Amino acid sequence: MSKSKKSPTLSVSLTSPASTAQIDDTKKTPDCSAVEGIGDFACMQWTGWFRGEPGGASANTVLKAVRGNESLDLRIIDFPPISSDFPVPDGDASAHALAQALVDAGWGNGAELRVPAAPPVAPQASTDNPVCALVSPDAVKNAFGATTQAQVLPGEGNCRYMFGAPSTPGLDSLMFSIELQDGGASLLSGVVPPDGQKIQGVGDRAILVVRSEPGGPKALRPESNDPVTYMSLMVARGRNTAFFTAQILISPEGPTEEQVKDQFVTLVKGIDF
């Protein structure tokens, strides 16, 4: 990792050999746009400032890749332009730099390198992404009891809604994302992960995973003293799979984790894909 006060942080994490579960997790990274020309699988994430998140969040450009039995996480964490000393982060430049660095390191697969475009600095208010049509922002808002309007943050093949300030515990610290995968139903036929549980009445098969991480850069969210709870519900229907992910800072004064889980599962039960 390279880090300084006025320049981006660059970090690389390589798992070799990676387990089948670790490789599957990388390939199921939510809100991740496909990159062509790298390894067996590669995708790009932009979070933080590029997603319009409030509270002085950093701009995070993350490249996830798989090659054989290796899993790689390569990322740039930049600063928002809070003064003239900090230039405006460039998500496209960061993404191309990471992708080219990986090709130069021998991770190219011989195909032409194609890197998706970074999202705009300003949050998008509307989208024609069909994945976003699976559930309305109002339905997500009502399911979790949020009081703020959602920002719609569409990606390629996925969609994300963000409510309120993600560094403040409570109802309005919520991100909800949807990703569809054609022909991925077989992924749910294997062993349930240690922190997962089968959910009845959702699709043909469904597995819920609940995890917590400290707030801040590791969670790709604004700094917080409260842990981020990740709820991922993987649903198989026919030959296809959908991944629904909720990230929330659960307030001690609000619904419990178990209640939030019930709200999440109830919402997903009503989504037809």
Protein backbone atom coordinates (compact mmCIF):
# COMPACT_ATOMS: atom_id res chain seq x y z
CA MET A 1 0.00 0.00 0.00
CA SER A 2 1.18 3.51 -0.88
CA LYS A 3 -0.32 6.42 1.02
CA SER A 4 0.24 10.16 1.52
CA LYS A 5 -1.83 13.12 2.67
CA LYS A 6 -2.31 14.77 -0.71
CA SER A 7 -2.14 11.91 -3.17
CA PRO A 8 -4.22 8.79 -3.75
CA THR A 9 -3.77 5.59 -1.78
CA LEU A 10 -2.91 2.61 -3.96
CA SER A 11 -3.36 -0.88 -2.56
CA VAL A 12 -3.14 -4.39 -3.96
CA SER A 13 -4.30 -7.64 -2.40
CA LEU A 14 -3.53 -10.94 -4.12
CA THR A 15 -4.89 -14.27 -2.88
CA SER A 16 -3.00 -17.23 -4.37
CA PRO A 17 -4.22 -19.86 -4.30
CA ALA A 18 -7.76 -18.63 -3.69
CA SER A 19 -10.46 -21.04 -2.61
CA THR A 20 -13.49 -21.71 -4.79
CA ALA A 21 -15.61 -19.69 -2.36
CA GLN A 22 -13.22 -16.71 -2.53
CA ILE A 23 -13.24 -16.76 -6.33
CA ASP A 24 -17.04 -17.02 -6.36
CA ASP A 25 -17.25 -14.04 -3.98
CA THR A 26 -15.05 -11.98 -6.29
CA LYS A 27 -17.20 -12.85 -9.30
CA LYS A 28 -20.33 -11.86 -7.36
CA THR A 29 -19.01 -8.43 -6.31
CA PRO A 30 -22.11 -6.18 -6.27
CA ASP A 31 -22.34 -3.00 -8.37
CA CYS A 32 -19.34 -4.01 -10.48
CA SER A 33 -19.00 -3.25 -14.23
CA ALA A 34 -17.27 -5.79 -16.47
CA VAL A 35 -13.74 -5.17 -17.81
CA GLU A 36 -12.69 -7.02 -20.97
CA GLY A 37 -9.14 -8.19 -21.67
CA ILE A 38 -8.09 -9.17 -18.14
CA GLY A 39 -7.83 -12.69 -16.70
CA ASP A 40 -10.81 -15.04 -16.54
CA PHE A 41 -12.97 -12.33 -14.94
CA ALA A 42 -12.54 -8.65 -14.12
CA CYS A 43 -14.86 -5.86 -13.05
CA MET A 44 -14.61 -2.25 -11.89
CA GLN A 45 -16.31 -0.51 -8.97
CA TRP A 46 -16.57 3.19 -8.24
CA THR A 47 -17.75 4.16 -4.78
CA GLY A 48 -17.51 7.09 -2.42
CA TRP A 49 -17.25 10.52 -4.01
CA PHE A 50 -17.94 9.31 -7.55
CA ARG A 51 -21.25 7.96 -6.32
CA GLY A 52 -22.24 11.31 -4.86
CA GLU A 53 -22.03 10.12 -1.27
CA PRO A 54 -22.08 12.94 1.29
CA GLY A 55 -19.82 13.57 4.25
CA GLY A 56 -16.52 14.08 2.42
CA ALA A 57 -16.22 10.49 1.23
CA SER A 58 -13.14 9.52 -0.71
CA ALA A 59 -13.33 8.49 -4.36
CA ASN A 60 -12.68 4.76 -4.57
CA THR A 61 -11.84 3.03 -7.86
CA VAL A 62 -11.63 -0.74 -7.36
CA LEU A 63 -10.59 -3.41 -9.85
CA LYS A 64 -11.50 -7.01 -8.98
CA ALA A 65 -10.02 -9.83 -11.08
CA VAL A 66 -9.72 -13.61 -11.21
CA ARG A 67 -7.12 -15.64 -13.11
CA GLY A 68 -7.06 -19.38 -12.60
CA ASN A 69 -6.95 -19.92 -8.84
CA GLU A 70 -5.85 -16.35 -8.05
CA SER A 71 -8.06 -13.50 -6.87
CA LEU A 72 -6.89 -9.89 -7.00
CA ASP A 73 -8.14 -6.62 -5.49
CA LEU A 74 -6.40 -3.52 -6.87
CA ARG A 75 -7.71 -0.12 -5.81
CA ILE A 76 -7.10 3.62 -5.75
CA ILE A 77 -8.61 5.67 -2.92
CA ASP A 78 -8.58 9.40 -3.72
CA PHE A 79 -9.61 12.49 -1.81
CA PRO A 80 -12.60 14.70 -2.60
CA PRO A 81 -11.75 18.21 -3.87
CA ILE A 82 -12.14 19.87 -0.48
CA SER A 83 -9.60 22.61 -1.33
CA SER A 84 -7.39 23.78 -4.18
CA ASP A 85 -4.68 21.41 -2.89
CA PHE A 86 -6.83 18.44 -3.89
CA PRO A 87 -7.58 18.07 -7.60
CA VAL A 88 -10.93 16.70 -8.69
CA PRO A 89 -10.63 12.89 -8.79
CA ASP A 90 -10.88 11.40 -12.26
CA GLY A 91 -12.66 8.04 -12.14
CA ASP A 92 -11.99 7.23 -15.80
CA ALA A 93 -8.26 7.93 -15.51
CA SER A 94 -8.01 5.86 -12.31
CA ALA A 95 -9.84 2.93 -13.90
CA HIS A 96 -7.69 2.91 -17.03
CA ALA A 97 -4.52 3.20 -14.93
CA LEU A 98 -5.49 0.19 -12.81
CA ALA A 99 -6.54 -1.89 -15.82
CA GLN A 100 -3.38 -1.12 -17.80
CA ALA A 101 -1.22 -1.85 -14.76
CA LEU A 102 -2.80 -5.28 -14.49
CA VAL A 103 -2.20 -6.02 -18.17
CA ASP A 104 1.41 -4.86 -17.83
CA ALA A 105 1.76 -7.24 -14.87
CA GLY A 106 0.83 -10.19 -17.08
CA TRP A 107 -2.88 -10.47 -16.30
CA GLY A 108 -4.01 -9.72 -19.87
CA ASN A 109 -5.84 -12.52 -21.68
CA GLY A 110 -5.01 -11.48 -25.25
CA ALA A 111 -8.32 -9.73 -25.89
CA GLU A 112 -8.57 -5.99 -26.41
CA LEU A 113 -8.64 -4.08 -23.13
CA ARG A 114 -12.04 -2.43 -22.65
CA VAL A 115 -12.72 -0.45 -19.49
CA PRO A 116 -16.25 0.76 -18.63
CA ALA A 117 -16.86 4.46 -18.10
CA ALA A 118 -16.85 5.81 -14.55
CA PRO A 119 -20.11 7.21 -13.18
CA PRO A 120 -20.58 10.98 -13.22
CA VAL A 121 -19.57 13.06 -10.24
CA ALA A 122 -23.15 14.19 -9.66
CA PRO A 123 -25.64 11.49 -8.62
CA GLN A 124 -28.04 10.51 -11.38
CA ALA A 125 -31.70 11.18 -10.65
CA SER A 126 -33.18 8.82 -13.22
CA THR A 127 -32.24 5.81 -15.30
CA ASP A 128 -33.51 3.60 -18.09
CA ASN A 129 -31.63 0.60 -16.72
CA PRO A 130 -34.15 -2.30 -16.73
CA VAL A 131 -32.60 -3.75 -13.56
CA CYS A 132 -33.68 -0.61 -11.70
CA ALA A 133 -37.26 -1.31 -12.79
CA LEU A 134 -37.39 -4.53 -10.75
CA VAL A 135 -38.21 -2.56 -7.59
CA SER A 136 -38.92 1.14 -7.18
CA PRO A 137 -36.92 3.41 -4.86
CA ASP A 138 -40.18 4.07 -2.99
CA ALA A 139 -40.62 0.35 -2.34
CA VAL A 140 -37.11 0.12 -0.91
CA LYS A 141 -37.71 3.28 1.12
CA ASN A 142 -40.94 1.91 2.59
CA ALA A 143 -39.47 -1.52 3.29
CA PHE A 144 -36.72 -0.11 5.50
CA GLY A 145 -38.66 2.87 6.84
CA ALA A 146 -36.28 5.42 5.34
CA THR A 147 -37.30 9.08 5.50
CA THR A 148 -35.11 10.48 2.71
CA GLN A 149 -35.54 10.14 -1.05
CA ALA A 150 -33.29 7.72 -2.88
CA GLN A 151 -30.49 8.57 -5.25
CA VAL A 152 -30.60 6.16 -8.18
CA LEU A 153 -27.08 5.03 -9.09
CA PRO A 154 -27.26 2.69 -12.07
CA GLY A 155 -24.34 0.64 -13.31
CA GLU A 156 -24.03 -1.80 -16.17
CA GLY A 157 -26.27 -4.78 -15.49
CA ASN A 158 -26.96 -3.64 -11.93
CA CYS A 159 -28.63 -0.83 -10.01
CA ARG A 160 -28.06 0.83 -6.67
CA TYR A 161 -30.24 3.05 -4.50
CA MET A 162 -28.69 5.19 -1.77
CA PHE A 163 -30.63 6.80 1.06
CA GLY A 164 -29.40 9.57 3.33
CA ALA A 165 -25.91 9.89 4.80
CA PRO A 166 -24.12 6.52 4.80
CA SER A 167 -21.99 7.54 7.80
CA THR A 168 -24.96 8.15 10.12
CA PRO A 169 -26.56 5.17 11.89
CA GLY A 170 -30.25 4.63 11.35
CA LEU A 171 -32.86 4.34 8.66
CA ASP A 172 -31.20 6.83 6.31
CA SER A 173 -27.85 5.10 6.10
CA LEU A 174 -28.87 2.58 3.50
CA MET A 175 -27.54 1.37 0.16
CA PHE A 176 -29.53 -1.24 -1.74
CA SER A 177 -28.17 -2.87 -4.89
CA ILE A 178 -29.43 -5.41 -7.42
CA GLU A 179 -27.40 -7.49 -9.84
CA LEU A 180 -28.68 -10.11 -12.29
CA GLN A 181 -26.66 -13.01 -13.66
CA ASP A 182 -27.98 -15.05 -16.56
CA GLY A 183 -27.44 -18.78 -16.18
CA GLY A 184 -26.00 -18.51 -12.68
CA ALA A 185 -28.51 -20.66 -10.79
CA SER A 186 -25.98 -23.48 -10.31
CA LEU A 187 -23.95 -21.21 -8.00
CA LEU A 188 -26.59 -21.74 -5.30
CA SER A 189 -26.64 -25.53 -5.53
CA GLY A 190 -23.44 -26.00 -3.54
CA VAL A 191 -22.61 -25.83 0.15
CA VAL A 192 -24.09 -22.95 2.13
CA PRO A 193 -21.29 -20.67 3.45
CA PRO A 194 -20.63 -20.74 7.23
CA ASP A 195 -22.28 -17.34 7.73
CA GLY A 196 -25.18 -18.12 5.36
CA GLN A 197 -28.63 -19.59 5.77
CA LYS A 198 -31.23 -20.98 3.40
CA ILE A 199 -34.35 -18.82 3.03
CA GLN A 200 -37.64 -20.48 2.17
CA GLY A 201 -40.30 -18.90 -0.04
CA VAL A 202 -37.95 -16.79 -2.17
CA GLY A 203 -37.42 -17.99 -5.75
CA ASP A 204 -36.44 -21.62 -6.31
CA ARG A 205 -33.50 -21.40 -3.90
CA ALA A 206 -32.21 -18.54 -1.78
CA ILE A 207 -29.24 -18.05 0.54
CA LEU A 208 -28.86 -15.11 2.91
CA VAL A 209 -25.45 -13.99 4.17
CA VAL A 210 -25.14 -11.37 6.93
CA ARG A 211 -21.76 -9.83 7.73
CA SER A 212 -20.45 -6.77 9.57
CA GLU A 213 -17.36 -4.66 8.95
CA PRO A 214 -15.98 -1.53 10.63
CA GLY A 215 -17.10 1.72 9.00
CA GLY A 216 -14.66 3.73 6.92
CA PRO A 217 -12.39 3.03 3.94
CA LYS A 218 -12.39 -0.76 4.36
CA ALA A 219 -16.15 -0.70 3.90
CA LEU A 220 -15.84 1.79 1.00
CA ARG A 221 -18.10 4.18 2.88
CA PRO A 222 -17.58 7.45 4.77
CA GLU A 223 -15.84 7.12 8.13
CA SER A 224 -18.09 6.00 10.99
CA ASN A 225 -17.74 4.64 14.50
CA ASP A 226 -20.48 2.11 13.82
CA PRO A 227 -20.11 -1.18 11.95
CA VAL A 228 -21.62 -1.62 8.50
CA THR A 229 -24.01 -4.56 8.25
CA TYR A 230 -24.06 -6.29 4.85
CA MET A 231 -27.05 -8.42 3.99
CA SER A 232 -26.72 -10.32 0.71
CA LEU A 233 -29.61 -12.45 -0.54
CA MET A 234 -28.73 -14.68 -3.49
CA VAL A 235 -31.82 -15.97 -5.28
CA ALA A 236 -32.04 -18.59 -8.03
CA ARG A 237 -35.10 -18.67 -10.26
CA GLY A 238 -35.07 -21.03 -13.20
CA ARG A 239 -31.56 -20.87 -14.67
CA ASN A 240 -30.88 -17.32 -13.54
CA THR A 241 -29.64 -15.71 -10.33
CA ALA A 242 -30.22 -12.33 -8.72
CA PHE A 243 -28.06 -10.80 -5.99
CA PHE A 244 -29.74 -8.33 -3.63
CA THR A 245 -27.46 -6.50 -1.21
CA ALA A 246 -28.34 -4.07 1.57
CA GLN A 247 -25.67 -2.09 3.42
CA ILE A 248 -26.85 -0.28 6.54
CA LEU A 249 -25.55 1.21 9.78
CA ILE A 250 -28.02 -0.22 12.29
CA SER A 251 -28.90 2.28 15.01
CA PRO A 252 -29.12 1.05 18.64
CA GLU A 253 -32.34 3.09 18.91
CA GLY A 254 -33.96 1.59 15.80
CA PRO A 255 -34.91 -1.85 14.46
CA THR A 256 -32.63 -4.70 15.46
CA GLU A 257 -30.50 -6.62 12.97
CA GLU A 258 -33.06 -9.43 13.03
CA GLN A 259 -35.89 -7.00 12.25
CA VAL A 260 -33.90 -5.41 9.43
CA LYS A 261 -33.21 -8.88 8.03
CA ASP A 262 -36.96 -9.62 8.03
CA GLN A 263 -37.65 -6.31 6.24
CA PHE A 264 -35.01 -7.17 3.66
CA VAL A 265 -36.28 -10.70 2.97
CA THR A 266 -39.90 -9.49 2.76
CA LEU A 267 -38.92 -6.88 0.19
CA VAL A 268 -37.04 -9.37 -1.99
CA LYS A 269 -39.93 -11.85 -1.86
CA GLY A 270 -42.02 -9.30 -3.76
CA ILE A 271 -39.48 -8.72 -6.54
CA ASP A 272 -40.16 -10.64 -9.76
CA PHE A 273 -37.22 -11.29 -12.07
